[in-house]
């Protein structure tokens, strides 16, 4: 799922606020720097997920016969290829 920049910023705010409220966490940088780093990490993860998704979809499309998205067979193949891509990345 692709998130807008505003939604990623909102999630980054929520995460940095939650971290700030934890007694076990002490910031060595200012709160905005932490928020920006959280946003950067979220964007990297979302981009990585998008690449994995595209790779899984391309593998399904490369089949000799057409497999309709939403069918049980498509769902099974998607999960299989998605998991293969995740394993390749060591996640």
PDB file of N, CA and C in Angstrom:
ATOM      1  N   UNK A   1       0.848  -1.164   0.000  1.00  0.00           N
ATOM      2  CA  UNK A   1       0.000   0.000   0.000  1.00  0.00           C
ATOM      3  C   UNK A   1       0.897   1.233   0.000  1.00  0.00           C
ATOM      4  N   UNK A   2       0.596   2.170  -0.838  1.00  0.00           N
ATOM      5  CA  UNK A   2       1.370   3.395  -0.923  1.00  0.00           C
ATOM      6  C   UNK A   2       0.745   4.436  -0.001  1.00  0.00           C
ATOM      7  N   UNK A   3       1.559   5.045   0.843  1.00  0.00           N
ATOM      8  CA  UNK A   3       1.085   6.086   1.756  1.00  0.00           C
ATOM      9  C   UNK A   3       1.540   7.444   1.254  1.00  0.00           C
ATOM     10  N   UNK A   4       0.711   8.450   1.455  1.00  0.00           N
ATOM     11  CA  UNK A   4       1.085   9.801   1.055  1.00  0.00           C
ATOM     12  C   UNK A   4       2.164  10.330   1.997  1.00  0.00           C
ATOM     13  N   UNK A   5       2.837  11.350   1.564  1.00  0.00           N
ATOM     14  CA  UNK A   5       3.885  11.973   2.374  1.00  0.00           C
ATOM     15  C   UNK A   5       3.307  12.474   3.702  1.00  0.00           C
ATOM     16  N   UNK A   6       2.090  13.021   3.654  1.00  0.00           N
ATOM     17  CA  UNK A   6       1.443  13.510   4.874  1.00  0.00           C
ATOM     18  C   UNK A   6       1.186  12.382   5.866  1.00  0.00           C
ATOM     19  N   UNK A   7       0.760  11.227   5.363  1.00  0.00           N
ATOM     20  CA  UNK A   7       0.488  10.099   6.252  1.00  0.00           C
ATOM     21  C   UNK A   7       1.778   9.557   6.861  1.00  0.00           C
ATOM     22  N   UNK A   8       2.845   9.507   6.062  1.00  0.00           N
ATOM     23  CA  UNK A   8       4.131   9.055   6.591  1.00  0.00           C
ATOM     24  C   UNK A   8       4.614  10.032   7.664  1.00  0.00           C
ATOM     25  N   UNK A   9       4.438  11.331   7.424  1.00  0.00           N
ATOM     26  CA  UNK A   9       4.808  12.336   8.428  1.00  0.00           C
ATOM     27  C   UNK A   9       4.002  12.167   9.707  1.00  0.00           C
ATOM     28  N   UNK A  10       2.713  11.887   9.563  1.00  0.00           N
ATOM     29  CA  UNK A  10       1.851  11.697  10.732  1.00  0.00           C
ATOM     30  C   UNK A  10       2.312  10.491  11.546  1.00  0.00           C
ATOM     31  N   UNK A  11       2.617   9.385  10.865  1.00  0.00           N
ATOM     32  CA  UNK A  11       3.095   8.186  11.566  1.00  0.00           C
ATOM     33  C   UNK A  11       4.423   8.491  12.258  1.00  0.00           C
ATOM     34  N   UNK A  12       5.309   9.218  11.587  1.00  0.00           N
ATOM     35  CA  UNK A  12       6.598   9.579  12.185  1.00  0.00           C
ATOM     36  C   UNK A  12       6.400  10.428  13.434  1.00  0.00           C
ATOM     37  N   UNK A  13       5.441  11.358  13.400  1.00  0.00           N
ATOM     38  CA  UNK A  13       5.122  12.164  14.584  1.00  0.00           C
ATOM     39  C   UNK A  13       4.633  11.284  15.726  1.00  0.00           C
ATOM     40  N   UNK A  14       3.733  10.374  15.412  1.00  0.00           N
ATOM     41  CA  UNK A  14       3.174   9.492  16.441  1.00  0.00           C
ATOM     42  C   UNK A  14       4.275   8.638  17.063  1.00  0.00           C
ATOM     43  N   UNK A  15       5.152   8.079  16.230  1.00  0.00           N
ATOM     44  CA  UNK A  15       6.244   7.244  16.739  1.00  0.00           C
ATOM     45  C   UNK A  15       7.190   8.055  17.611  1.00  0.00           C
ATOM     46  N   UNK A  16       7.600   9.228  17.135  1.00  0.00           N
ATOM     47  CA  UNK A  16       8.539  10.045  17.925  1.00  0.00           C
ATOM     48  C   UNK A  16       7.885  10.529  19.223  1.00  0.00           C
ATOM     49  N   UNK A  17       6.603  10.847  19.190  1.00  0.00           N
ATOM     50  CA  UNK A  17       5.893  11.237  20.415  1.00  0.00           C
ATOM     51  C   UNK A  17       5.820  10.075  21.402  1.00  0.00           C
ATOM     52  N   UNK A  18       5.545   8.876  20.878  1.00  0.00           N
ATOM     53  CA  UNK A  18       5.474   7.695  21.742  1.00  0.00           C
ATOM     54  C   UNK A  18       6.834   7.398  22.359  1.00  0.00           C
ATOM     55  N   UNK A  19       7.889   7.536  21.585  1.00  0.00           N
ATOM     56  CA  UNK A  19       9.238   7.326  22.121  1.00  0.00           C
ATOM     57  C   UNK A  19       9.578   8.353  23.195  1.00  0.00           C
ATOM     58  N   UNK A  20       9.178   9.586  22.969  1.00  0.00           N
ATOM     59  CA  UNK A  20       9.466  10.651  23.927  1.00  0.00           C
ATOM     60  C   UNK A  20       8.772  10.416  25.265  1.00  0.00           C
ATOM     61  N   UNK A  21       7.629   9.771  25.243  1.00  0.00           N
ATOM     62  CA  UNK A  21       6.878   9.508  26.470  1.00  0.00           C
ATOM     63  C   UNK A  21       7.414   8.326  27.270  1.00  0.00           C
ATOM     64  N   UNK A  22       8.265   7.512  26.649  1.00  0.00           N
ATOM     65  CA  UNK A  22       8.806   6.333  27.331  1.00  0.00           C
ATOM     66  C   UNK A  22       9.935   6.748  28.273  1.00  0.00           C
ATOM     67  N   UNK A  23       9.844   6.297  29.513  1.00  0.00           N
ATOM     68  CA  UNK A  23      10.884   6.606  30.492  1.00  0.00           C
ATOM     69  C   UNK A  23      12.217   5.957  30.136  1.00  0.00           C
ATOM     70  N   UNK A  24      12.166   4.835  29.432  1.00  0.00           N
ATOM     71  CA  UNK A  24      13.370   4.092  29.085  1.00  0.00           C
ATOM     72  C   UNK A  24      14.153   4.713  27.933  1.00  0.00           C
ATOM     73  N   UNK A  25      13.579   5.719  27.277  1.00  0.00           N
ATOM     74  CA  UNK A  25      14.198   6.310  26.087  1.00  0.00           C
ATOM     75  C   UNK A  25      14.649   7.734  26.386  1.00  0.00           C
ATOM     76  N   UNK A  26      15.912   8.003  26.080  1.00  0.00           N
ATOM     77  CA  UNK A  26      16.462   9.361  26.171  1.00  0.00           C
ATOM     78  C   UNK A  26      16.953   9.765  24.790  1.00  0.00           C
ATOM     79  N   UNK A  27      16.505  10.908  24.318  1.00  0.00           N
ATOM     80  CA  UNK A  27      16.935  11.395  23.011  1.00  0.00           C
ATOM     81  C   UNK A  27      18.288  12.075  23.141  1.00  0.00           C
ATOM     82  N   UNK A  28      19.202  11.739  22.228  1.00  0.00           N
ATOM     83  CA  UNK A  28      20.482  12.442  22.178  1.00  0.00           C
ATOM     84  C   UNK A  28      20.445  13.521  21.097  1.00  0.00           C
ATOM     85  N   UNK A  29      19.399  13.515  20.316  1.00  0.00           N
ATOM     86  CA  UNK A  29      19.154  14.535  19.297  1.00  0.00           C
ATOM     87  C   UNK A  29      17.818  15.207  19.623  1.00  0.00           C
ATOM     88  N   UNK A  30      17.563  16.324  18.949  1.00  0.00           N
ATOM     89  CA  UNK A  30      16.283  16.994  19.181  1.00  0.00           C
ATOM     90  C   UNK A  30      15.151  16.182  18.557  1.00  0.00           C
ATOM     91  N   UNK A  31      13.965  16.457  19.002  1.00  0.00           N
ATOM     92  CA  UNK A  31      12.787  15.671  18.610  1.00  0.00           C
ATOM     93  C   UNK A  31      12.529  15.700  17.101  1.00  0.00           C
ATOM     94  N   UNK A  32      12.779  16.821  16.465  1.00  0.00           N
ATOM     95  CA  UNK A  32      12.551  16.923  15.025  1.00  0.00           C
ATOM     96  C   UNK A  32      13.525  16.035  14.257  1.00  0.00           C
ATOM     97  N   UNK A  33      14.764  15.963  14.695  1.00  0.00           N
ATOM     98  CA  UNK A  33      15.750  15.090  14.055  1.00  0.00           C
ATOM     99  C   UNK A  33      15.312  13.638  14.169  1.00  0.00           C
ATOM    100  N   UNK A  34      14.795  13.266  15.329  1.00  0.00           N
ATOM    101  CA  UNK A  34      14.295  11.904  15.534  1.00  0.00           C
ATOM    102  C   UNK A  34      13.119  11.636  14.596  1.00  0.00           C
ATOM    103  N   UNK A  35      12.201  12.588  14.517  1.00  0.00           N
ATOM    104  CA  UNK A  35      11.036  12.431  13.638  1.00  0.00           C
ATOM    105  C   UNK A  35      11.465  12.275  12.185  1.00  0.00           C
ATOM    106  N   UNK A  36      12.428  13.071  11.745  1.00  0.00           N
ATOM    107  CA  UNK A  36      12.896  12.980  10.364  1.00  0.00           C
ATOM    108  C   UNK A  36      13.557  11.626  10.084  1.00  0.00           C
ATOM    109  N   UNK A  37      14.293  11.109  11.060  1.00  0.00           N
ATOM    110  CA  UNK A  37      14.923   9.795  10.890  1.00  0.00           C
ATOM    111  C   UNK A  37      13.871   8.689  10.840  1.00  0.00           C
ATOM    112  N   UNK A  38      12.849   8.805  11.673  1.00  0.00           N
ATOM    113  CA  UNK A  38      11.753   7.829  11.647  1.00  0.00           C
ATOM    114  C   UNK A  38      11.067   7.873  10.286  1.00  0.00           C
ATOM    115  N   UNK A  39      10.827   9.072   9.766  1.00  0.00           N
ATOM    116  CA  UNK A  39      10.194   9.210   8.451  1.00  0.00           C
ATOM    117  C   UNK A  39      11.060   8.579   7.363  1.00  0.00           C
ATOM    118  N   UNK A  40      12.366   8.804   7.436  1.00  0.00           N
ATOM    119  CA  UNK A  40      13.287   8.231   6.454  1.00  0.00           C
ATOM    120  C   UNK A  40      13.238   6.700   6.492  1.00  0.00           C
ATOM    121  N   UNK A  41      13.243   6.132   7.681  1.00  0.00           N
ATOM    122  CA  UNK A  41      13.185   4.678   7.834  1.00  0.00           C
ATOM    123  C   UNK A  41      11.863   4.139   7.290  1.00  0.00           C
ATOM    124  N   UNK A  42      10.755   4.809   7.620  1.00  0.00           N
ATOM    125  CA  UNK A  42       9.444   4.379   7.119  1.00  0.00           C
ATOM    126  C   UNK A  42       9.396   4.412   5.592  1.00  0.00           C
ATOM    127  N   UNK A  43       9.927   5.477   5.001  1.00  0.00           N
ATOM    128  CA  UNK A  43       9.918   5.588   3.543  1.00  0.00           C
ATOM    129  C   UNK A  43      10.766   4.494   2.903  1.00  0.00           C
ATOM    130  N   UNK A  44      11.910   4.173   3.510  1.00  0.00           N
ATOM    131  CA  UNK A  44      12.755   3.098   2.991  1.00  0.00           C
ATOM    132  C   UNK A  44      12.024   1.758   3.059  1.00  0.00           C
ATOM    133  N   UNK A  45      11.357   1.501   4.180  1.00  0.00           N
ATOM    134  CA  UNK A  45      10.612   0.251   4.329  1.00  0.00           C
ATOM    135  C   UNK A  45       9.463   0.159   3.325  1.00  0.00           C
ATOM    136  N   UNK A  46       8.758   1.256   3.138  1.00  0.00           N
ATOM    137  CA  UNK A  46       7.644   1.267   2.191  1.00  0.00           C
ATOM    138  C   UNK A  46       8.137   1.071   0.756  1.00  0.00           C
ATOM    139  N   UNK A  47       9.272   1.681   0.421  1.00  0.00           N
ATOM    140  CA  UNK A  47       9.835   1.505  -0.918  1.00  0.00           C
ATOM    141  C   UNK A  47      10.288   0.069  -1.134  1.00  0.00           C
ATOM    142  N   UNK A  48      10.881  -0.515  -0.117  1.00  0.00           N
ATOM    143  CA  UNK A  48      11.309  -1.902  -0.198  1.00  0.00           C
ATOM    144  C   UNK A  48      10.099  -2.823  -0.378  1.00  0.00           C
ATOM    145  N   UNK A  49       9.048  -2.573   0.366  1.00  0.00           N
ATOM    146  CA  UNK A  49       7.828  -3.377   0.252  1.00  0.00           C
ATOM    147  C   UNK A  49       7.231  -3.242  -1.146  1.00  0.00           C
ATOM    148  N   UNK A  50       7.281  -2.051  -1.703  1.00  0.00           N
ATOM    149  CA  UNK A  50       6.749  -1.831  -3.044  1.00  0.00           C
ATOM    150  C   UNK A  50       7.550  -2.614  -4.090  1.00  0.00           C
ATOM    151  N   UNK A  51       8.879  -2.655  -3.936  1.00  0.00           N
ATOM    152  CA  UNK A  51       9.708  -3.421  -4.861  1.00  0.00           C
ATOM    153  C   UNK A  51       9.411  -4.920  -4.754  1.00  0.00           C
ATOM    154  N   UNK A  52       9.221  -5.404  -3.530  1.00  0.00           N
ATOM    155  CA  UNK A  52       8.888  -6.818  -3.323  1.00  0.00           C
ATOM    156  C   UNK A  52       7.544  -7.134  -3.980  1.00  0.00           C
ATOM    157  N   UNK A  53       6.561  -6.255  -3.772  1.00  0.00           N
ATOM    158  CA  UNK A  53       5.233  -6.429  -4.358  1.00  0.00           C
ATOM    159  C   UNK A  53       5.323  -6.478  -5.882  1.00  0.00           C
ATOM    160  N   UNK A  54       6.058  -5.546  -6.470  1.00  0.00           N
ATOM    161  CA  UNK A  54       6.182  -5.507  -7.931  1.00  0.00           C
ATOM    162  C   UNK A  54       6.860  -6.758  -8.471  1.00  0.00           C
ATOM    163  N   UNK A  55       7.867  -7.227  -7.770  1.00  0.00           N
ATOM    164  CA  UNK A  55       8.566  -8.434  -8.195  1.00  0.00           C
ATOM    165  C   UNK A  55       7.632  -9.643  -8.165  1.00  0.00           C
ATOM    166  N   UNK A  56       6.850  -9.772  -7.099  1.00  0.00           N
ATOM    167  CA  UNK A  56       5.904 -10.881  -6.992  1.00  0.00           C
ATOM    168  C   UNK A  56       4.865 -10.801  -8.113  1.00  0.00           C
ATOM    169  N   UNK A  57       4.371  -9.611  -8.394  1.00  0.00           N
ATOM    170  CA  UNK A  57       3.382  -9.436  -9.456  1.00  0.00           C
ATOM    171  C   UNK A  57       3.969  -9.763 -10.827  1.00  0.00           C
ATOM    172  N   UNK A  58       5.215  -9.370 -11.057  1.00  0.00           N
ATOM    173  CA  UNK A  58       5.849  -9.662 -12.343  1.00  0.00           C
ATOM    174  C   UNK A  58       6.022 -11.157 -12.542  1.00  0.00           C
ATOM    175  N   UNK A  59       6.346 -11.881 -11.477  1.00  0.00           N
ATOM    176  CA  UNK A  59       6.486 -13.330 -11.585  1.00  0.00           C
ATOM    177  C   UNK A  59       5.157 -13.971 -11.959  1.00  0.00           C
ATOM    178  N   UNK A  60       4.071 -13.474 -11.392  1.00  0.00           N
ATOM    179  CA  UNK A  60       2.747 -14.017 -11.725  1.00  0.00           C
ATOM    180  C   UNK A  60       2.409 -13.711 -13.185  1.00  0.00           C
ATOM    181  N   UNK A  61       2.695 -12.477 -13.613  1.00  0.00           N
ATOM    182  CA  UNK A  61       2.388 -12.084 -14.985  1.00  0.00           C
ATOM    183  C   UNK A  61       3.227 -12.842 -16.010  1.00  0.00           C
ATOM    184  N   UNK A  62       4.392 -13.343 -15.596  1.00  0.00           N
ATOM    185  CA  UNK A  62       5.268 -14.047 -16.527  1.00  0.00           C
ATOM    186  C   UNK A  62       4.864 -15.506 -16.741  1.00  0.00           C
ATOM    187  N   UNK A  63       3.814 -15.952 -16.055  1.00  0.00           N
ATOM    188  CA  UNK A  63       3.326 -17.314 -16.229  1.00  0.00           C
ATOM    189  C   UNK A  63       2.834 -17.496 -17.666  1.00  0.00           C
ATOM    190  N   UNK A  64       2.885 -18.721 -18.151  1.00  0.00           N
ATOM    191  CA  UNK A  64       2.471 -18.995 -19.537  1.00  0.00           C
ATOM    192  C   UNK A  64       1.003 -18.675 -19.776  1.00  0.00           C
ATOM    193  N   UNK A  65       0.209 -18.904 -18.755  1.00  0.00           N
ATOM    194  CA  UNK A  65      -1.223 -18.621 -18.918  1.00  0.00           C
ATOM    195  C   UNK A  65      -1.609 -17.455 -18.004  1.00  0.00           C
ATOM    196  N   UNK A  66      -2.701 -16.822 -18.337  1.00  0.00           N
ATOM    197  CA  UNK A  66      -3.173 -15.675 -17.565  1.00  0.00           C
ATOM    198  C   UNK A  66      -3.815 -16.151 -16.268  1.00  0.00           C
ATOM    199  N   UNK A  67      -3.375 -15.556 -15.168  1.00  0.00           N
ATOM    200  CA  UNK A  67      -3.948 -15.856 -13.858  1.00  0.00           C
ATOM    201  C   UNK A  67      -4.589 -14.563 -13.362  1.00  0.00           C
ATOM    202  N   UNK A  68      -5.877 -14.622 -13.128  1.00  0.00           N
ATOM    203  CA  UNK A  68      -6.617 -13.414 -12.754  1.00  0.00           C
ATOM    204  C   UNK A  68      -6.333 -13.007 -11.313  1.00  0.00           C
ATOM    205  N   UNK A  69      -6.027 -11.728 -11.154  1.00  0.00           N
ATOM    206  CA  UNK A  69      -5.800 -11.206  -9.805  1.00  0.00           C
ATOM    207  C   UNK A  69      -7.088 -11.323  -9.000  1.00  0.00           C
ATOM    208  N   UNK A  70      -6.940 -11.759  -7.766  1.00  0.00           N
ATOM    209  CA  UNK A  70      -8.093 -11.946  -6.898  1.00  0.00           C
ATOM    210  C   UNK A  70      -8.554 -13.391  -6.838  1.00  0.00           C
ATOM    211  N   UNK A  71      -8.084 -14.188  -7.793  1.00  0.00           N
ATOM    212  CA  UNK A  71      -8.445 -15.610  -7.753  1.00  0.00           C
ATOM    213  C   UNK A  71      -7.629 -16.297  -6.664  1.00  0.00           C
ATOM    214  N   UNK A  72      -8.098 -17.465  -6.263  1.00  0.00           N
ATOM    215  CA  UNK A  72      -7.391 -18.209  -5.224  1.00  0.00           C
ATOM    216  C   UNK A  72      -5.976 -18.556  -5.681  1.00  0.00           C
ATOM    217  N   UNK A  73      -5.844 -18.953  -6.939  1.00  0.00           N
ATOM    218  CA  UNK A  73      -4.522 -19.305  -7.472  1.00  0.00           C
ATOM    219  C   UNK A  73      -3.589 -18.100  -7.446  1.00  0.00           C
ATOM    220  N   UNK A  74      -4.104 -16.927  -7.835  1.00  0.00           N
ATOM    221  CA  UNK A  74      -3.292 -15.714  -7.836  1.00  0.00           C
ATOM    222  C   UNK A  74      -2.835 -15.398  -6.413  1.00  0.00           C
ATOM    223  N   UNK A  75      -3.736 -15.486  -5.444  1.00  0.00           N
ATOM    224  CA  UNK A  75      -3.398 -15.197  -4.053  1.00  0.00           C
ATOM    225  C   UNK A  75      -2.310 -16.132  -3.534  1.00  0.00           C
ATOM    226  N   UNK A  76      -2.432 -17.418  -3.873  1.00  0.00           N
ATOM    227  CA  UNK A  76      -1.434 -18.403  -3.425  1.00  0.00           C
ATOM    228  C   UNK A  76      -0.072 -18.097  -4.044  1.00  0.00           C
ATOM    229  N   UNK A  77      -0.057 -17.834  -5.346  1.00  0.00           N
ATOM    230  CA  UNK A  77       1.204 -17.521  -6.016  1.00  0.00           C
ATOM    231  C   UNK A  77       1.801 -16.217  -5.495  1.00  0.00           C
ATOM    232  N   UNK A  78       0.940 -15.229  -5.269  1.00  0.00           N
ATOM    233  CA  UNK A  78       1.433 -13.945  -4.763  1.00  0.00           C
ATOM    234  C   UNK A  78       2.129 -14.152  -3.419  1.00  0.00           C
ATOM    235  N   UNK A  79       1.494 -14.860  -2.496  1.00  0.00           N
ATOM    236  CA  UNK A  79       2.107 -15.101  -1.174  1.00  0.00           C
ATOM    237  C   UNK A  79       3.423 -15.851  -1.316  1.00  0.00           C
ATOM    238  N   UNK A  80       3.426 -16.849  -2.191  1.00  0.00           N
ATOM    239  CA  UNK A  80       4.632 -17.643  -2.409  1.00  0.00           C
ATOM    240  C   UNK A  80       5.769 -16.763  -2.934  1.00  0.00           C
ATOM    241  N   UNK A  81       5.514 -16.012  -3.993  1.00  0.00           N
ATOM    242  CA  UNK A  81       6.556 -15.182  -4.591  1.00  0.00           C
ATOM    243  C   UNK A  81       6.952 -14.022  -3.679  1.00  0.00           C
ATOM    244  N   UNK A  82       5.990 -13.471  -2.963  1.00  0.00           N
ATOM    245  CA  UNK A  82       6.277 -12.390  -2.017  1.00  0.00           C
ATOM    246  C   UNK A  82       7.225 -12.902  -0.932  1.00  0.00           C
ATOM    247  N   UNK A  83       6.906 -14.066  -0.371  1.00  0.00           N
ATOM    248  CA  UNK A  83       7.750 -14.648   0.678  1.00  0.00           C
ATOM    249  C   UNK A  83       9.139 -14.991   0.151  1.00  0.00           C
ATOM    250  N   UNK A  84       9.230 -15.453  -1.095  1.00  0.00           N
ATOM    251  CA  UNK A  84      10.540 -15.730  -1.696  1.00  0.00           C
ATOM    252  C   UNK A  84      11.380 -14.461  -1.768  1.00  0.00           C
ATOM    253  N   UNK A  85      10.767 -13.364  -2.168  1.00  0.00           N
ATOM    254  CA  UNK A  85      11.483 -12.098  -2.272  1.00  0.00           C
ATOM    255  C   UNK A  85      11.934 -11.598  -0.899  1.00  0.00           C
ATOM    256  N   UNK A  86      11.091 -11.774   0.090  1.00  0.00           N
ATOM    257  CA  UNK A  86      11.443 -11.364   1.459  1.00  0.00           C
ATOM    258  C   UNK A  86      12.639 -12.182   1.946  1.00  0.00           C
ATOM    259  N   UNK A  87      12.625 -13.494   1.676  1.00  0.00           N
ATOM    260  CA  UNK A  87      13.731 -14.359   2.091  1.00  0.00           C
ATOM    261  C   UNK A  87      15.039 -13.972   1.408  1.00  0.00           C
ATOM    262  N   UNK A  88      14.941 -13.574   0.121  1.00  0.00           N
ATOM    263  CA  UNK A  88      16.140 -13.136  -0.601  1.00  0.00           C
ATOM    264  C   UNK A  88      16.801 -11.954   0.094  1.00  0.00           C
ATOM    265  N   UNK A  89      15.981 -11.089   0.660  1.00  0.00           N
ATOM    266  CA  UNK A  89      16.492  -9.892   1.332  1.00  0.00           C
ATOM    267  C   UNK A  89      16.911 -10.177   2.762  1.00  0.00           C
ATOM    268  N   UNK A  90      16.607 -11.376   3.238  1.00  0.00           N
ATOM    269  CA  UNK A  90      16.997 -11.742   4.595  1.00  0.00           C
ATOM    270  C   UNK A  90      16.166 -11.084   5.678  1.00  0.00           C
ATOM    271  N   UNK A  91      14.940 -10.772   5.335  1.00  0.00           N
ATOM    272  CA  UNK A  91      14.053 -10.107   6.306  1.00  0.00           C
ATOM    273  C   UNK A  91      13.292 -11.140   7.090  1.00  0.00           C
TER     274      UNK A  91
END
